[in-house]
Amino acid sequence: MYPAELVKPMKEDLTQVGFKELTTTDDVDQIIQNNQETLLVVVNSVCGCAAGNMRPGVKLALNNDKRPFELATVFAGVDSDATNQARKYFLPYPPSSPSIALFKGGKLVHFVERHHIEGASPLMIAENLSEAFNEYC
């Protein structure tokens, strides 16, 4: 577990642009199972690729004309139960932090793993997500 004061600005980086923070397994189940539209779930992390690549790329993608109906995030290493529950919905993909999942009608339709985030620029991540938004949203 990381200290709350350390991760607070990292969480706020997404919650300030409209992401709902999921901290319990019930939060995760409710938002995924009850969303009949599109939902973007971001697994946030303290790692450098989350700060330098993933979060900026996700925020850039939100400027796309089409975007998910709902936005949510879990934080790996902090909200462990919620993160582990979210990862059950990401199968068959292995656990990955950070990562990004797009759901449509409760079904996983697009997934960005850590190895697609590391070394990718925020613009590359935004383009990847924008293409998925254009197809599914």
Protein backbone atom coordinates (compact mmCIF):
# COMPACT_ATOMS: atom_id res chain seq x y z
CA MET A 1 0.00 0.00 0.00
CA TYR A 2 1.11 3.49 -0.81
CA PRO A 3 0.49 6.43 1.53
CA ALA A 4 -2.74 8.30 0.76
CA GLU A 5 -0.94 11.63 0.49
CA LEU A 6 1.36 10.20 -2.19
CA VAL A 7 -1.40 8.87 -4.45
CA LYS A 8 -3.93 11.67 -3.91
CA PRO A 9 -2.65 13.85 -6.79
CA MET A 10 -2.38 10.79 -9.04
CA LYS A 11 -6.00 9.87 -8.34
CA GLU A 12 -7.11 13.48 -8.78
CA ASP A 13 -5.41 13.60 -12.17
CA LEU A 14 -8.29 11.43 -13.41
CA THR A 15 -11.13 12.25 -11.01
CA GLN A 16 -10.82 15.96 -11.84
CA VAL A 17 -11.71 15.18 -15.47
CA GLY A 18 -14.77 13.11 -14.61
CA PHE A 19 -13.54 9.64 -13.62
CA LYS A 20 -15.44 7.96 -10.79
CA GLU A 21 -13.12 6.43 -8.21
CA LEU A 22 -13.95 2.78 -7.50
CA THR A 23 -12.65 1.61 -4.14
CA THR A 24 -14.65 -1.54 -3.39
CA THR A 25 -15.56 -4.75 -5.19
CA ASP A 26 -19.22 -3.68 -5.07
CA ASP A 27 -18.35 -0.38 -6.77
CA VAL A 28 -16.69 -2.31 -9.60
CA ASP A 29 -19.49 -4.85 -9.99
CA GLN A 30 -22.20 -2.21 -9.99
CA ILE A 31 -20.63 0.07 -12.57
CA ILE A 32 -19.69 -2.72 -14.99
CA GLN A 33 -22.79 -4.86 -14.63
CA ASN A 34 -25.26 -1.95 -14.67
CA ASN A 35 -23.80 0.04 -17.53
CA GLN A 36 -25.61 -0.64 -20.78
CA GLU A 37 -23.71 2.11 -22.59
CA THR A 38 -19.94 2.45 -22.87
CA LEU A 39 -17.60 2.56 -19.90
CA LEU A 40 -13.88 3.28 -19.72
CA VAL A 41 -12.08 1.75 -16.73
CA VAL A 42 -8.53 2.88 -16.06
CA VAL A 43 -6.21 0.95 -13.76
CA ASN A 44 -4.12 3.80 -12.36
CA SER A 45 -0.67 3.31 -10.90
CA VAL A 46 2.24 5.15 -9.27
CA CYS A 47 4.65 4.08 -12.02
CA GLY A 48 6.27 6.55 -14.36
CA CYS A 49 4.49 5.22 -17.44
CA ALA A 50 1.14 5.97 -15.79
CA ALA A 51 2.18 9.54 -15.01
CA GLY A 52 4.05 10.32 -18.19
CA ASN A 53 2.13 8.31 -20.76
CA MET A 54 -1.14 6.74 -19.66
CA ARG A 55 -2.95 9.50 -17.74
CA PRO A 56 -2.04 12.24 -20.24
CA GLY A 57 -3.01 9.94 -23.14
CA VAL A 58 -6.37 9.08 -21.59
CA LYS A 59 -7.13 12.75 -20.96
CA LEU A 60 -6.20 13.63 -24.56
CA ALA A 61 -8.51 10.88 -25.85
CA LEU A 62 -11.42 12.45 -23.99
CA ASN A 63 -11.25 15.35 -26.47
CA ASN A 64 -12.47 12.97 -29.18
CA ASP A 65 -15.93 13.66 -30.64
CA LYS A 66 -17.08 10.22 -29.52
CA ARG A 67 -16.22 9.15 -25.99
CA PRO A 68 -17.44 6.69 -23.37
CA PHE A 69 -20.71 7.35 -21.59
CA GLU A 70 -19.09 6.72 -18.20
CA LEU A 71 -15.54 6.93 -16.82
CA ALA A 72 -14.16 5.00 -13.84
CA THR A 73 -10.81 4.21 -12.26
CA VAL A 74 -9.24 1.84 -9.76
CA PHE A 75 -5.79 2.34 -8.26
CA ALA A 76 -3.40 -0.63 -8.24
CA GLY A 77 -1.46 -1.00 -5.01
CA VAL A 78 -3.96 1.12 -3.10
CA ASP A 79 -7.49 -0.13 -3.71
CA SER A 80 -6.40 -3.74 -4.09
CA ASP A 81 -9.80 -5.40 -3.71
CA ALA A 82 -11.40 -3.11 -6.30
CA THR A 83 -8.44 -3.55 -8.67
CA ASN A 84 -8.54 -7.34 -8.37
CA GLN A 85 -12.30 -7.33 -8.98
CA ALA A 86 -11.91 -5.15 -12.08
CA ARG A 87 -9.23 -7.50 -13.40
CA LYS A 88 -11.75 -10.36 -13.34
CA TYR A 89 -13.72 -8.45 -15.99
CA PHE A 90 -10.54 -7.97 -18.05
CA LEU A 91 -10.00 -11.69 -18.64
CA PRO A 92 -8.43 -13.23 -20.68
CA TYR A 93 -5.88 -10.42 -20.30
CA PRO A 94 -3.41 -10.90 -17.44
CA PRO A 95 -3.13 -8.35 -14.62
CA SER A 96 -1.48 -5.20 -15.89
CA SER A 97 -0.82 -1.85 -14.21
CA PRO A 98 -1.46 0.58 -15.65
CA SER A 99 -4.07 -0.56 -18.15
CA ILE A 100 -7.20 0.71 -19.85
CA ALA A 101 -10.42 -1.21 -20.53
CA LEU A 102 -13.37 -0.18 -22.68
CA PHE A 103 -16.70 -1.90 -22.08
CA LYS A 104 -19.87 -1.75 -24.12
CA GLY A 105 -23.03 -3.09 -22.53
CA GLY A 106 -20.96 -4.76 -19.81
CA LYS A 107 -18.70 -6.59 -22.31
CA LEU A 108 -15.00 -5.89 -22.71
CA VAL A 109 -14.43 -4.61 -26.26
CA HIS A 110 -10.96 -3.00 -26.12
CA PHE A 111 -8.01 -3.37 -23.77
CA VAL A 112 -4.68 -1.56 -23.54
CA GLU A 113 -2.05 -3.44 -21.55
CA ARG A 114 0.99 -2.01 -19.80
CA HIS A 115 3.33 -3.16 -22.57
CA HIS A 116 1.29 -1.01 -24.98
CA ILE A 117 1.64 1.97 -22.63
CA GLU A 118 5.34 1.75 -21.78
CA GLY A 119 7.33 3.66 -24.37
CA ALA A 120 4.21 4.97 -26.09
CA SER A 121 3.65 8.71 -26.18
CA PRO A 122 0.46 10.19 -24.75
CA LEU A 123 -0.55 11.01 -28.33
CA MET A 124 -0.15 7.37 -29.40
CA ILE A 125 -2.28 6.22 -26.47
CA ALA A 126 -4.89 8.87 -27.24
CA GLU A 127 -5.01 7.79 -30.90
CA ASN A 128 -5.45 4.15 -29.88
CA LEU A 129 -8.30 5.03 -27.54
CA SER A 130 -9.91 7.46 -29.99
CA GLU A 131 -10.08 4.73 -32.62
CA ALA A 132 -11.78 2.45 -30.10
CA PHE A 133 -14.16 5.25 -29.07
CA ASN A 134 -15.05 5.88 -32.72
CA GLU A 135 -15.85 2.20 -33.19
CA TYR A 136 -17.73 1.46 -29.97
CA CYS A 137 -19.10 4.76 -28.60
